Amino acid sequence: MSSKLEQLKAITTVVADSGDLEAIARLKPVDATTNPSLLLKAAAMPGYAALLDQSIAASGGDLTLACDRFAVAVGQEILKIIPGRISTEVDARLSFDTQATLRRAERLIDLYKQAGIGRERVLIKVAATWEGIRAAELLEKAGIQTNLTLLFSFAQAVACADAGVFLISPFVGRIYDWYKKADGRDFTGAEDPGVRSVTRIYNYYKANGYATVVMGASFRNLGQIEQLAGCDRLTISPELLQQLSEDTQTLERRLQPGASAEPRQSLDEAAFRWALNEDAMATEKLAEGIRQFARDQEKLEALLKARAER
C-alpha cells in the first residue's frame, strides 16, 4: 500500500508550508508557501546567511526592500526544487491599505522578474481584509495571481470569490484553536470547526461554479488533513508531511464536487464588515494573525539591520 502522502497527492495538490529547502526536496510537494514567520525562521538557518547578506547589500539601507529581496531569494531557491509555484506575502502592516498593497505586490513581482522568474510561478499572498481583497481584485485584472491568506470566515470566502482571486487559504488549525479554547473541549473528525469551515467553502465554490482554488492551511493534526482529502490544495508543514509519508493505511476521499451548498451570494463593503463583525472567531483570529505577521516582519527587519551594522 502506498503512503497516505502518495494517496493524498493523487486527489489533492500538496503544498509545503515551509522555507526548509531540505524538507521540501525530501517530501516533493508541487507548490510551496512562505510567510513572515517562516521567513524569520529561514533567516536563522545557516544555509540562508549568504542570501541575507546579498539582500542587505542590494537594498541601500532600505529594510523593507531588503526583506522583500530576502523573501524573493528564498522563493527563488524553493522554485529550484519544486515544479509549481511559490506564494510570497505582502507586508502585513499594509493589510488595510489597498494602494500600498498593490505597490508592494508589484515590487515583489518585479524582483522575481529581475531574478528571471515569471509571474506565472508566483502567487502574491495578501491578508483577506476588505482592502486586501480589493487589491487582489486589481492584481488579478493586471495578470498577477493572488493567494488570499488569514481567511477564517465564510464572508471572506464569498468576497474573495466575487473578486475573482486565484486562491484562498482558510486557516483550519487556527479556527480549531479558537473553538477549542472557547468551548473548553477538543474536536475530532468532521465535527472540527476548521474542517467544517473549509468543507462549507469548498462545497459553495463548486456548487456555484467559482474557479477560485480552495487551499486548506494551518493544520494541527493528521485528522484535519484526512477530513479534507480531495480539497483543491492543502498546504502542510514538513512535520505533518513526514507523518503522512510514514502511514500506509487507506486514505478516503472526503471532498468532491456535487455536494449541496448555499446559493451564490454577493457582499458589498458594509455587508462584508457586518458579517465579519458578527463572527467573533474570525474577527479575533484575523486581527491576531495580522499582528503576528507584522511583529515577525519587524523582527526580520531588526535582524537584517543588526546584520548590516556588524
Protein backbone atom coordinates (compact mmCIF):
# COMPACT_ATOMS: atom_id res chain seq x y z
CA MET A 1 0.00 0.00 0.00
CA SER A 2 1.30 3.45 -0.87
CA SER A 3 1.67 6.04 1.89
CA LYS A 4 -1.10 8.42 2.82
CA LEU A 5 1.00 11.21 1.36
CA GLU A 6 1.08 9.50 -2.04
CA GLN A 7 -2.64 8.74 -1.81
CA LEU A 8 -3.32 12.38 -0.94
CA LYS A 9 -1.22 13.60 -3.86
CA ALA A 10 -3.43 11.57 -6.20
CA ILE A 11 -6.54 13.60 -5.29
CA THR A 12 -5.20 16.90 -3.89
CA THR A 13 -2.35 19.21 -4.87
CA VAL A 14 0.06 19.08 -1.91
CA VAL A 15 1.86 22.30 -0.98
CA ALA A 16 4.72 22.65 1.52
CA ASP A 17 4.17 25.26 4.22
CA SER A 18 7.87 25.85 4.84
CA GLY A 19 11.09 27.57 3.87
CA ASP A 20 13.14 24.48 4.77
CA LEU A 21 14.80 23.51 1.49
CA GLU A 22 15.92 20.09 2.70
CA ALA A 23 12.42 19.14 3.82
CA ILE A 24 10.86 20.42 0.60
CA ALA A 25 13.34 18.45 -1.52
CA ARG A 26 12.71 15.29 0.51
CA LEU A 27 8.90 15.45 0.51
CA LYS A 28 8.44 16.67 -3.08
CA PRO A 29 5.36 18.95 -2.91
CA VAL A 30 4.06 20.64 -6.07
CA ASP A 31 3.97 24.18 -4.63
CA ALA A 32 5.27 25.93 -1.53
CA THR A 33 4.15 28.85 0.62
CA THR A 34 6.05 31.23 2.85
CA ASN A 35 5.01 33.99 5.25
CA PRO A 36 6.86 36.44 7.54
CA SER A 37 7.01 33.88 10.35
CA LEU A 38 8.54 31.21 8.09
CA LEU A 39 10.98 33.75 6.60
CA LEU A 40 12.07 34.70 10.10
CA LYS A 41 12.80 31.02 10.81
CA ALA A 42 14.63 30.70 7.50
CA ALA A 43 16.77 33.74 8.33
CA ALA A 44 18.12 31.86 11.37
CA MET A 45 19.26 28.90 9.22
CA PRO A 46 22.97 28.92 8.32
CA GLY A 47 22.16 27.97 4.75
CA TYR A 48 20.46 31.32 4.17
CA ALA A 49 23.27 33.54 5.51
CA ALA A 50 24.61 34.42 2.07
CA LEU A 51 21.12 35.33 0.82
CA LEU A 52 20.64 37.62 3.82
CA ASP A 53 23.89 39.42 3.09
CA GLN A 54 23.09 39.74 -0.61
CA SER A 55 19.63 41.12 0.17
CA ILE A 56 21.08 43.71 2.53
CA ALA A 57 23.84 44.75 0.13
CA ALA A 58 21.42 45.28 -2.76
CA SER A 59 18.92 47.37 -0.78
CA GLY A 60 20.82 50.56 0.05
CA GLY A 61 19.72 50.62 3.67
CA ASP A 62 16.01 50.21 2.88
CA LEU A 63 14.92 47.50 5.32
CA THR A 64 11.54 46.86 3.70
CA LEU A 65 13.27 46.36 0.36
CA ALA A 66 15.85 44.08 1.99
CA CYS A 67 13.02 41.98 3.43
CA ASP A 68 11.34 41.77 0.04
CA ARG A 69 14.63 40.82 -1.59
CA PHE A 70 15.18 38.11 1.01
CA ALA A 71 11.63 36.77 0.54
CA VAL A 72 12.21 36.59 -3.22
CA ALA A 73 15.65 35.00 -2.75
CA VAL A 74 14.11 32.28 -0.55
CA GLY A 75 11.33 31.84 -3.09
CA GLN A 76 13.90 31.57 -5.87
CA GLU A 77 15.73 28.78 -4.04
CA ILE A 78 12.48 26.90 -3.38
CA LEU A 79 11.44 27.19 -7.02
CA LYS A 80 14.63 25.34 -8.00
CA ILE A 81 13.30 22.19 -6.32
CA ILE A 82 9.53 22.30 -6.89
CA PRO A 83 7.69 22.12 -10.22
CA GLY A 84 4.94 24.57 -9.31
CA ARG A 85 4.57 27.91 -7.62
CA ILE A 86 5.80 29.85 -4.61
CA SER A 87 3.50 32.07 -2.55
CA THR A 88 5.22 35.22 -1.26
CA GLU A 89 3.47 37.51 1.18
CA VAL A 90 2.98 41.27 1.18
CA ASP A 91 3.97 43.06 4.41
CA ALA A 92 1.09 42.51 6.85
CA ARG A 93 1.33 46.13 8.03
CA LEU A 94 -0.22 47.11 4.68
CA SER A 95 -3.32 44.96 5.25
CA PHE A 96 -5.65 47.97 5.40
CA ASP A 97 -4.14 49.96 2.54
CA THR A 98 -5.19 48.85 -0.93
CA GLN A 99 -2.81 51.08 -2.89
CA ALA A 100 0.22 50.29 -0.71
CA THR A 101 -0.55 46.58 -1.06
CA LEU A 102 -0.65 46.98 -4.85
CA ARG A 103 2.70 48.76 -4.91
CA ARG A 104 4.39 46.15 -2.70
CA ALA A 105 2.93 43.27 -4.73
CA GLU A 106 4.17 44.84 -7.95
CA ARG A 107 7.63 45.26 -6.40
CA LEU A 108 7.75 41.58 -5.43
CA ILE A 109 6.77 40.55 -8.95
CA ASP A 110 9.42 42.90 -10.38
CA LEU A 111 12.09 41.41 -8.07
CA TYR A 112 11.15 37.93 -9.26
CA LYS A 113 11.34 39.16 -12.85
CA GLN A 114 14.84 40.52 -12.21
CA ALA A 115 15.76 37.06 -10.94
CA GLY A 116 14.50 35.50 -14.18
CA ILE A 117 11.28 34.13 -12.68
CA GLY A 118 7.98 34.84 -14.44
CA ARG A 119 4.81 35.81 -12.65
CA GLU A 120 3.24 32.51 -13.70
CA ARG A 121 5.33 30.80 -11.00
CA VAL A 122 4.41 33.23 -8.21
CA LEU A 123 1.32 33.83 -6.09
CA ILE A 124 1.19 37.07 -4.13
CA LYS A 125 -0.18 36.46 -0.63
CA VAL A 126 -2.45 39.17 0.78
CA ALA A 127 -4.47 39.23 4.01
CA ALA A 128 -8.19 38.77 3.31
CA THR A 129 -9.28 42.15 4.68
CA TRP A 130 -11.72 44.21 2.61
CA GLU A 131 -8.77 46.34 1.44
CA GLY A 132 -6.64 43.30 0.70
CA ILE A 133 -9.42 41.69 -1.35
CA ARG A 134 -9.83 44.89 -3.38
CA ALA A 135 -6.06 44.95 -4.03
CA ALA A 136 -6.18 41.30 -5.09
CA GLU A 137 -9.05 42.03 -7.49
CA LEU A 138 -6.93 44.69 -9.20
CA LEU A 139 -3.83 42.48 -9.25
CA GLU A 140 -5.79 39.65 -10.86
CA LYS A 141 -7.02 42.01 -13.57
CA ALA A 142 -3.38 43.01 -14.17
CA GLY A 143 -2.34 39.38 -14.61
CA ILE A 144 -0.79 38.92 -11.16
CA GLN A 145 -2.41 35.97 -9.39
CA THR A 146 -3.04 36.02 -5.68
CA ASN A 147 -3.34 33.86 -2.58
CA LEU A 148 -5.71 35.37 -0.01
CA THR A 149 -4.48 34.38 3.43
CA LEU A 150 -5.65 34.74 7.04
CA LEU A 151 -9.09 33.59 5.92
CA PHE A 152 -11.35 32.50 8.76
CA SER A 153 -14.91 33.28 7.72
CA PHE A 154 -17.45 32.40 5.07
CA ALA A 155 -17.90 36.13 4.37
CA GLN A 156 -14.21 36.43 3.46
CA ALA A 157 -14.55 33.42 1.14
CA VAL A 158 -17.63 34.90 -0.56
CA ALA A 159 -15.90 38.24 -1.13
CA CYS A 160 -12.75 36.58 -2.47
CA ALA A 161 -14.71 34.52 -4.99
CA ASP A 162 -16.62 37.60 -6.14
CA ALA A 163 -13.29 39.41 -6.61
CA GLY A 164 -12.01 36.60 -8.83
CA VAL A 165 -8.93 35.80 -6.76
CA PHE A 166 -6.93 32.78 -7.85
CA LEU A 167 -6.66 31.03 -4.47
CA ILE A 168 -7.76 31.30 -0.84
CA SER A 169 -6.07 29.81 2.24
CA PRO A 170 -8.62 29.12 5.00
CA PHE A 171 -6.77 28.51 8.29
CA VAL A 172 -8.09 25.21 9.63
CA GLY A 173 -5.88 24.95 12.70
CA ARG A 174 -6.38 28.48 13.97
CA ILE A 175 -10.15 28.12 13.70
CA TYR A 176 -9.86 24.85 15.65
CA ASP A 177 -7.67 26.57 18.28
CA TRP A 178 -10.25 29.30 18.90
CA TYR A 179 -13.20 26.95 19.32
CA LYS A 180 -11.23 24.50 21.45
CA LYS A 181 -10.40 27.32 23.86
CA ALA A 182 -13.84 28.96 23.71
CA ASP A 183 -15.79 25.72 24.20
CA GLY A 184 -13.32 24.07 26.56
CA ARG A 185 -13.25 20.80 24.61
CA ASP A 186 -11.44 19.09 21.79
CA PHE A 187 -12.85 18.37 18.34
CA THR A 188 -12.14 15.44 16.05
CA GLY A 189 -13.18 14.26 12.62
CA ALA A 190 -15.89 16.05 10.68
CA GLU A 191 -17.04 17.98 13.77
CA ASP A 192 -13.79 20.01 13.83
CA PRO A 193 -14.84 23.66 13.24
CA GLY A 194 -11.87 24.28 10.93
CA VAL A 195 -12.76 21.25 8.86
CA ARG A 196 -16.41 22.32 8.74
CA SER A 197 -15.43 25.80 7.58
CA VAL A 198 -13.31 24.58 4.66
CA THR A 199 -15.89 21.95 3.70
CA ARG A 200 -18.61 24.63 3.55
CA ILE A 201 -16.44 26.94 1.43
CA TYR A 202 -15.37 24.13 -0.92
CA ASN A 203 -18.97 22.99 -1.46
CA TYR A 204 -20.13 26.59 -2.01
CA TYR A 205 -17.45 27.28 -4.61
CA LYS A 206 -18.04 24.06 -6.53
CA ALA A 207 -21.85 24.32 -6.47
CA ASN A 208 -21.75 27.89 -7.76
CA GLY A 209 -19.10 27.45 -10.41
CA TYR A 210 -16.34 29.59 -8.90
CA ALA A 211 -12.85 28.99 -10.30
CA THR A 212 -11.12 30.19 -7.10
CA VAL A 213 -8.92 27.44 -5.66
CA VAL A 214 -9.52 26.34 -2.04
CA MET A 215 -6.28 25.53 -0.20
CA GLY A 216 -6.70 24.43 3.40
CA ALA A 217 -3.88 25.67 5.62
CA SER A 218 -2.62 25.75 9.22
CA PHE A 219 -3.12 22.15 10.26
CA ARG A 220 -2.73 20.89 13.81
CA ASN A 221 -3.01 17.13 13.21
CA LEU A 222 -3.37 14.44 10.56
CA GLY A 223 -7.08 14.05 11.25
CA GLN A 224 -7.78 17.53 9.91
CA ILE A 225 -5.84 16.78 6.71
CA GLU A 226 -7.57 13.44 6.24
CA GLN A 227 -11.02 15.02 6.63
CA LEU A 228 -10.18 17.45 3.80
CA ALA A 229 -8.71 14.89 1.39
CA GLY A 230 -9.95 15.88 -2.05
CA CYS A 231 -9.77 19.63 -1.40
CA ASP A 232 -8.20 21.51 -4.34
CA ARG A 233 -4.95 22.03 -2.43
CA LEU A 234 -3.63 21.60 1.10
CA THR A 235 -0.57 23.41 2.42
CA ILE A 236 1.07 21.26 5.08
CA SER A 237 4.07 21.59 7.40
CA PRO A 238 7.09 19.31 6.84
CA GLU A 239 6.39 17.55 10.15
CA LEU A 240 2.88 16.54 9.12
CA LEU A 241 4.00 15.71 5.57
CA GLN A 242 6.55 13.35 7.11
CA GLN A 243 3.88 11.66 9.23
CA LEU A 244 1.70 11.20 6.14
CA SER A 245 4.64 9.67 4.28
CA GLU A 246 5.14 7.09 7.06
CA ASP A 247 1.47 5.99 7.27
CA THR A 248 0.34 3.29 4.81
CA GLN A 249 -3.29 2.98 5.87
CA THR A 250 -6.04 3.75 3.35
CA LEU A 251 -6.91 7.41 2.85
CA GLU A 252 -10.55 8.06 1.94
CA ARG A 253 -11.54 10.99 -0.28
CA ARG A 254 -13.84 13.29 1.72
CA LEU A 255 -14.41 16.32 -0.52
CA GLN A 256 -15.58 16.27 -4.11
CA PRO A 257 -17.83 18.41 -6.30
CA GLY A 258 -21.55 17.71 -6.20
CA ALA A 259 -22.44 18.29 -2.55
CA SER A 260 -25.32 20.62 -1.72
CA ALA A 261 -24.42 24.19 -0.78
CA GLU A 262 -25.82 27.68 -0.27
CA PRO A 263 -26.85 29.67 -3.35
CA ARG A 264 -24.45 32.28 -4.74
CA GLN A 265 -24.11 35.38 -2.57
CA SER A 266 -22.59 38.83 -3.02
CA LEU A 267 -21.40 41.22 -0.31
CA ASP A 268 -20.79 44.95 -0.54
CA GLU A 269 -18.38 46.58 1.89
CA ALA A 270 -20.97 47.24 4.60
CA ALA A 271 -22.36 43.71 4.42
CA PHE A 272 -18.86 42.22 4.47
CA ARG A 273 -17.80 44.23 7.51
CA TRP A 274 -21.02 43.40 9.36
CA ALA A 275 -20.74 39.67 8.63
CA LEU A 276 -17.12 39.68 9.80
CA ASN A 277 -18.08 41.66 12.91
CA GLU A 278 -20.76 39.10 13.75
CA ASP A 279 -18.18 36.27 13.62
CA ALA A 280 -16.20 36.67 16.85
CA MET A 281 -13.74 33.92 15.95
CA ALA A 282 -12.94 35.36 12.52
CA THR A 283 -12.66 38.92 13.84
CA GLU A 284 -10.24 37.91 16.58
CA LYS A 285 -8.13 35.50 14.51
CA LEU A 286 -7.79 37.89 11.56
CA ALA A 287 -6.61 40.71 13.81
CA GLU A 288 -4.32 38.37 15.75
CA GLY A 289 -2.85 36.92 12.54
CA ILE A 290 -2.11 40.34 11.08
CA ARG A 291 -0.44 41.42 14.34
CA GLN A 292 1.63 38.24 14.50
CA PHE A 293 2.87 38.56 10.92
CA ALA A 294 3.57 42.27 11.45
CA ARG A 295 5.66 41.54 14.56
CA ASP A 296 7.62 38.84 12.71
CA GLN A 297 8.18 41.26 9.83
CA GLU A 298 9.58 43.76 12.33
CA LYS A 299 11.82 41.08 13.86
CA LEU A 300 13.13 40.20 10.40
CA GLU A 301 13.86 43.86 9.71
CA ALA A 302 15.68 44.13 13.05
CA LEU A 303 17.73 41.04 12.20
CA LEU A 304 18.68 42.48 8.84
CA LYS A 305 19.55 45.86 10.41
CA ALA A 306 21.78 44.22 13.04
CA ARG A 307 23.47 42.13 10.39
CA ALA A 308 24.09 45.19 8.20
CA GLU A 309 25.69 47.02 11.13
CA ARG A 310 28.14 44.28 12.09
